[in-house]
C-alpha cells in the first residue's frame, strides 16, 4: 500500500512539475534568424489567448557567448507584418556583475524599457524622470546621451506559459 501511495504521489508531483514548464514556440539566434519553432505557431498561441513569456540573451563581455539571460511575461504584444513584438514594462536599472555573479539595482530612479521582436531586435532606452533637475550642463548632456534609444539584435526565446 505504501508503495502504491509513493508511486501515485510521485506521478502526480511529476505531472505538476513538468506541467509548470513553458512550451517553447520560437527561438531566434544572435543574428535574428529562426533556429527553432515558428512565428506562425507563436501568433496562433497569442490569438488563442495563451500567456506568453519572452526571454533574451546578452553578451556583456563581447566574447560571443551570452552571459546574461532575462525573462519577462509578455504584457503588451503587437503583431505586425508576420512578426511579434512585446513592449517591456519599465524596470529600475540593474547593474550586472559577471565576475561575482550578482545583479544589483542602481541607486537612482533611472528605469529601462524596451520593445523586443521575433526579428531579434531589442530596441531599448533608459528613462530618467529627474533629467530636467540636473543643473550642470555637462552632466545633463552626458545623461541625455545615456537616454538615447539603442538597438541591438539578440537571441530570443518565446514560450507559451503553462498554467
C-alpha atoms as a PDB file:
ATOM      1  CA  UNK A   1       0.000   0.000   0.000  1.00  0.00           C
ATOM      2  CA  UNK A   2       2.843   2.401   0.853  1.00  0.00           C
ATOM      3  CA  UNK A   3       4.468   1.604  -2.463  1.00  0.00           C
ATOM      4  CA  UNK A   4       1.242   2.385  -4.351  1.00  0.00           C
ATOM      5  CA  UNK A   5       0.882   5.654  -2.446  1.00  0.00           C
ATOM      6  CA  UNK A   6       4.529   6.538  -3.175  1.00  0.00           C
ATOM      7  CA  UNK A   7       4.108   5.907  -6.924  1.00  0.00           C
ATOM      8  CA  UNK A   8       0.839   7.834  -7.041  1.00  0.00           C
ATOM      9  CA  UNK A   9       2.356  10.854  -5.279  1.00  0.00           C
ATOM     10  CA  UNK A  10       5.472  10.679  -7.477  1.00  0.00           C
ATOM     11  CA  UNK A  11       3.424  10.598 -10.678  1.00  0.00           C
ATOM     12  CA  UNK A  12       1.168  13.450  -9.540  1.00  0.00           C
ATOM     13  CA  UNK A  13       4.155  15.539  -8.417  1.00  0.00           C
ATOM     14  CA  UNK A  14       5.997  14.896 -11.695  1.00  0.00           C
ATOM     15  CA  UNK A  15       2.921  15.919 -13.646  1.00  0.00           C
ATOM     16  CA  UNK A  16       2.672  19.101 -11.607  1.00  0.00           C
ATOM     17  CA  UNK A  17       6.349  19.998 -12.039  1.00  0.00           C
ATOM     18  CA  UNK A  18       6.501  19.234 -15.752  1.00  0.00           C
ATOM     19  CA  UNK A  19       3.114  20.888 -16.267  1.00  0.00           C
ATOM     20  CA  UNK A  20       4.618  24.160 -14.996  1.00  0.00           C
ATOM     21  CA  UNK A  21       7.291  24.241 -17.676  1.00  0.00           C
ATOM     22  CA  UNK A  22       6.891  26.556 -20.622  1.00  0.00           C
ATOM     23  CA  UNK A  23       6.329  25.331 -24.145  1.00  0.00           C
ATOM     24  CA  UNK A  24       8.976  26.907 -26.404  1.00  0.00           C
ATOM     25  CA  UNK A  25       7.276  28.256 -29.536  1.00  0.00           C
ATOM     26  CA  UNK A  26      10.174  30.134 -31.141  1.00  0.00           C
ATOM     27  CA  UNK A  27      13.895  30.715 -30.728  1.00  0.00           C
ATOM     28  CA  UNK A  28      15.939  33.203 -32.714  1.00  0.00           C
ATOM     29  CA  UNK A  29      19.719  33.310 -32.998  1.00  0.00           C
ATOM     30  CA  UNK A  30      22.201  36.112 -32.469  1.00  0.00           C
ATOM     31  CA  UNK A  31      21.563  37.454 -35.988  1.00  0.00           C
ATOM     32  CA  UNK A  32      17.758  37.337 -35.635  1.00  0.00           C
ATOM     33  CA  UNK A  33      17.406  34.111 -37.629  1.00  0.00           C
ATOM     34  CA  UNK A  34      14.833  31.485 -36.600  1.00  0.00           C
ATOM     35  CA  UNK A  35      16.622  28.487 -35.096  1.00  0.00           C
ATOM     36  CA  UNK A  36      13.646  26.640 -33.614  1.00  0.00           C
ATOM     37  CA  UNK A  37       9.863  26.755 -33.871  1.00  0.00           C
ATOM     38  CA  UNK A  38       7.825  29.160 -35.964  1.00  0.00           C
ATOM     39  CA  UNK A  39       6.385  32.644 -35.752  1.00  0.00           C
ATOM     40  CA  UNK A  40       3.067  31.303 -37.081  1.00  0.00           C
ATOM     41  CA  UNK A  41       2.751  28.974 -34.073  1.00  0.00           C
ATOM     42  CA  UNK A  42       3.577  31.860 -31.731  1.00  0.00           C
ATOM     43  CA  UNK A  43       0.940  34.078 -33.357  1.00  0.00           C
ATOM     44  CA  UNK A  44      -1.636  31.274 -33.186  1.00  0.00           C
ATOM     45  CA  UNK A  45      -0.923  30.808 -29.482  1.00  0.00           C
ATOM     46  CA  UNK A  46      -1.279  34.550 -28.829  1.00  0.00           C
ATOM     47  CA  UNK A  47      -4.573  34.697 -30.732  1.00  0.00           C
ATOM     48  CA  UNK A  48      -5.852  31.744 -28.684  1.00  0.00           C
ATOM     49  CA  UNK A  49      -5.333  33.874 -25.579  1.00  0.00           C
ATOM     50  CA  UNK A  50      -2.381  31.979 -24.150  1.00  0.00           C
ATOM     51  CA  UNK A  51       0.049  33.763 -21.859  1.00  0.00           C
ATOM     52  CA  UNK A  52       3.472  34.271 -23.430  1.00  0.00           C
ATOM     53  CA  UNK A  53       6.909  34.697 -21.876  1.00  0.00           C
ATOM     54  CA  UNK A  54       9.827  36.145 -23.779  1.00  0.00           C
ATOM     55  CA  UNK A  55      13.485  35.733 -22.946  1.00  0.00           C
ATOM     56  CA  UNK A  56      16.618  37.184 -24.472  1.00  0.00           C
ATOM     57  CA  UNK A  57      20.327  36.713 -24.019  1.00  0.00           C
ATOM     58  CA  UNK A  58      23.061  39.339 -23.744  1.00  0.00           C
ATOM     59  CA  UNK A  59      26.786  39.005 -24.348  1.00  0.00           C
ATOM     60  CA  UNK A  60      28.058  41.568 -21.858  1.00  0.00           C
ATOM     61  CA  UNK A  61      31.786  40.874 -22.272  1.00  0.00           C
ATOM     62  CA  UNK A  62      31.628  40.578 -26.102  1.00  0.00           C
ATOM     63  CA  UNK A  63      33.157  37.090 -26.255  1.00  0.00           C
ATOM     64  CA  UNK A  64      30.343  35.704 -28.483  1.00  0.00           C
ATOM     65  CA  UNK A  65      28.954  33.693 -25.550  1.00  0.00           C
ATOM     66  CA  UNK A  66      25.806  35.033 -23.840  1.00  0.00           C
ATOM     67  CA  UNK A  67      26.450  35.928 -20.187  1.00  0.00           C
ATOM     68  CA  UNK A  68      23.037  37.101 -19.066  1.00  0.00           C
ATOM     69  CA  UNK A  69      19.510  35.907 -19.783  1.00  0.00           C
ATOM     70  CA  UNK A  70      16.374  37.916 -18.974  1.00  0.00           C
ATOM     71  CA  UNK A  71      12.748  36.681 -18.967  1.00  0.00           C
ATOM     72  CA  UNK A  72       9.505  38.651 -18.746  1.00  0.00           C
ATOM     73  CA  UNK A  73       5.834  37.919 -19.077  1.00  0.00           C
ATOM     74  CA  UNK A  74       4.681  39.444 -22.351  1.00  0.00           C
ATOM     75  CA  UNK A  75       2.164  42.087 -21.342  1.00  0.00           C
ATOM     76  CA  UNK A  76       1.778  44.355 -24.369  1.00  0.00           C
ATOM     77  CA  UNK A  77       2.018  42.299 -27.552  1.00  0.00           C
ATOM     78  CA  UNK A  78       1.796  43.628 -31.105  1.00  0.00           C
ATOM     79  CA  UNK A  79       1.653  41.610 -34.318  1.00  0.00           C
ATOM     80  CA  UNK A  80       2.950  43.461 -37.375  1.00  0.00           C
ATOM     81  CA  UNK A  81       3.588  42.025 -40.851  1.00  0.00           C
ATOM     82  CA  UNK A  82       4.054  38.485 -39.585  1.00  0.00           C
ATOM     83  CA  UNK A  83       6.280  39.405 -36.627  1.00  0.00           C
ATOM     84  CA  UNK A  84       5.519  39.636 -32.918  1.00  0.00           C
ATOM     85  CA  UNK A  85       6.708  42.465 -30.668  1.00  0.00           C
ATOM     86  CA  UNK A  86       6.417  42.908 -26.919  1.00  0.00           C
ATOM     87  CA  UNK A  87       6.835  46.178 -25.069  1.00  0.00           C
ATOM     88  CA  UNK A  88       8.614  45.519 -21.796  1.00  0.00           C
ATOM     89  CA  UNK A  89       7.252  47.268 -18.725  1.00  0.00           C
ATOM     90  CA  UNK A  90       9.850  49.684 -17.297  1.00  0.00           C
ATOM     91  CA  UNK A  91      12.117  48.330 -14.554  1.00  0.00           C
ATOM     92  CA  UNK A  92      14.703  50.020 -12.368  1.00  0.00           C
ATOM     93  CA  UNK A  93      18.201  49.995 -13.847  1.00  0.00           C
ATOM     94  CA  UNK A  94      20.196  46.894 -12.946  1.00  0.00           C
ATOM     95  CA  UNK A  95      23.960  46.528 -12.656  1.00  0.00           C
ATOM     96  CA  UNK A  96      25.113  43.010 -13.636  1.00  0.00           C
ATOM     97  CA  UNK A  97      28.454  41.928 -12.178  1.00  0.00           C
ATOM     98  CA  UNK A  98      29.589  38.894 -14.184  1.00  0.00           C
ATOM     99  CA  UNK A  99      32.651  38.094 -12.096  1.00  0.00           C
ATOM    100  CA  UNK A 100      30.743  37.709  -8.775  1.00  0.00           C
ATOM    101  CA  UNK A 101      27.931  36.841 -10.156  1.00  0.00           C
ATOM    102  CA  UNK A 102      25.462  39.377  -8.814  1.00  0.00           C
ATOM    103  CA  UNK A 103      22.845  41.765 -10.150  1.00  0.00           C
ATOM    104  CA  UNK A 104      22.369  44.983  -8.183  1.00  0.00           C
ATOM    105  CA  UNK A 105      19.828  47.763  -8.518  1.00  0.00           C
ATOM    106  CA  UNK A 106      21.143  51.222  -9.415  1.00  0.00           C
ATOM    107  CA  UNK A 107      20.605  53.759  -6.617  1.00  0.00           C
ATOM    108  CA  UNK A 108      18.992  56.372  -8.863  1.00  0.00           C
ATOM    109  CA  UNK A 109      15.470  56.481 -10.262  1.00  0.00           C
ATOM    110  CA  UNK A 110      16.736  55.523 -13.741  1.00  0.00           C
ATOM    111  CA  UNK A 111      14.471  52.969 -15.392  1.00  0.00           C
ATOM    112  CA  UNK A 112      14.818  50.838 -18.516  1.00  0.00           C
ATOM    113  CA  UNK A 113      12.235  49.757 -21.072  1.00  0.00           C
ATOM    114  CA  UNK A 114      12.320  48.104 -24.478  1.00  0.00           C
ATOM    115  CA  UNK A 115      10.452  46.558 -27.355  1.00  0.00           C
ATOM    116  CA  UNK A 116      11.650  43.095 -28.325  1.00  0.00           C
ATOM    117  CA  UNK A 117      10.632  41.326 -31.515  1.00  0.00           C
ATOM    118  CA  UNK A 118      10.714  37.971 -33.228  1.00  0.00           C
ATOM    119  CA  UNK A 119      13.136  39.615 -35.658  1.00  0.00           C
ATOM    120  CA  UNK A 120      15.649  39.551 -32.782  1.00  0.00           C
ATOM    121  CA  UNK A 121      15.697  43.328 -32.382  1.00  0.00           C
ATOM    122  CA  UNK A 122      15.798  44.750 -28.880  1.00  0.00           C
ATOM    123  CA  UNK A 123      15.072  48.479 -29.098  1.00  0.00           C
ATOM    124  CA  UNK A 124      15.667  49.914 -25.640  1.00  0.00           C
ATOM    125  CA  UNK A 125      16.059  53.116 -23.728  1.00  0.00           C
ATOM    126  CA  UNK A 126      16.637  54.397 -20.241  1.00  0.00           C
ATOM    127  CA  UNK A 127      14.159  56.722 -18.545  1.00  0.00           C
ATOM    128  CA  UNK A 128      15.372  59.363 -16.089  1.00  0.00           C
ATOM    129  CA  UNK A 129      12.443  61.442 -14.777  1.00  0.00           C
ATOM    130  CA  UNK A 130      14.708  63.942 -12.979  1.00  0.00           C
ATOM    131  CA  UNK A 131      16.698  64.945 -16.082  1.00  0.00           C
ATOM    132  CA  UNK A 132      15.294  68.480 -16.025  1.00  0.00           C
ATOM    133  CA  UNK A 133      16.536  68.903 -12.430  1.00  0.00           C
ATOM    134  CA  UNK A 134      20.202  68.464 -13.394  1.00  0.00           C
ATOM    135  CA  UNK A 135      21.729  71.935 -13.343  1.00  0.00           C
ATOM    136  CA  UNK A 136      25.238  71.047 -14.509  1.00  0.00           C
ATOM    137  CA  UNK A 137      25.075  71.268 -18.320  1.00  0.00           C
ATOM    138  CA  UNK A 138      27.880  68.742 -18.950  1.00  0.00           C
ATOM    139  CA  UNK A 139      26.284  66.191 -16.624  1.00  0.00           C
ATOM    140  CA  UNK A 140      22.863  66.751 -18.233  1.00  0.00           C
ATOM    141  CA  UNK A 141      24.344  66.251 -21.731  1.00  0.00           C
ATOM    142  CA  UNK A 142      26.031  63.063 -20.512  1.00  0.00           C
ATOM    143  CA  UNK A 143      22.709  61.790 -19.183  1.00  0.00           C
ATOM    144  CA  UNK A 144      20.949  62.720 -22.431  1.00  0.00           C
ATOM    145  CA  UNK A 145      23.484  60.559 -24.266  1.00  0.00           C
ATOM    146  CA  UNK A 146      22.736  57.603 -21.974  1.00  0.00           C
ATOM    147  CA  UNK A 147      18.993  58.069 -22.513  1.00  0.00           C
ATOM    148  CA  UNK A 148      19.172  57.722 -26.309  1.00  0.00           C
ATOM    149  CA  UNK A 149      17.342  54.818 -27.911  1.00  0.00           C
ATOM    150  CA  UNK A 150      19.624  51.849 -28.556  1.00  0.00           C
ATOM    151  CA  UNK A 151      19.033  48.972 -30.968  1.00  0.00           C
ATOM    152  CA  UNK A 152      20.648  45.539 -30.694  1.00  0.00           C
ATOM    153  CA  UNK A 153      19.976  42.131 -32.212  1.00  0.00           C
ATOM    154  CA  UNK A 154      19.843  39.431 -29.536  1.00  0.00           C
ATOM    155  CA  UNK A 155      18.932  35.741 -29.315  1.00  0.00           C
ATOM    156  CA  UNK A 156      15.295  35.456 -28.181  1.00  0.00           C
ATOM    157  CA  UNK A 157      13.083  32.717 -26.779  1.00  0.00           C
ATOM    158  CA  UNK A 158       9.290  32.912 -26.994  1.00  0.00           C
ATOM    159  CA  UNK A 159       7.352  30.465 -24.843  1.00  0.00           C
ATOM    160  CA  UNK A 160       3.757  29.664 -24.039  1.00  0.00           C
ATOM    161  CA  UNK A 161       3.290  29.886 -20.307  1.00  0.00           C
ATOM    162  CA  UNK A 162       1.581  26.789 -18.989  1.00  0.00           C
ATOM    163  CA  UNK A 163      -0.952  27.134 -16.216  1.00  0.00           C
END
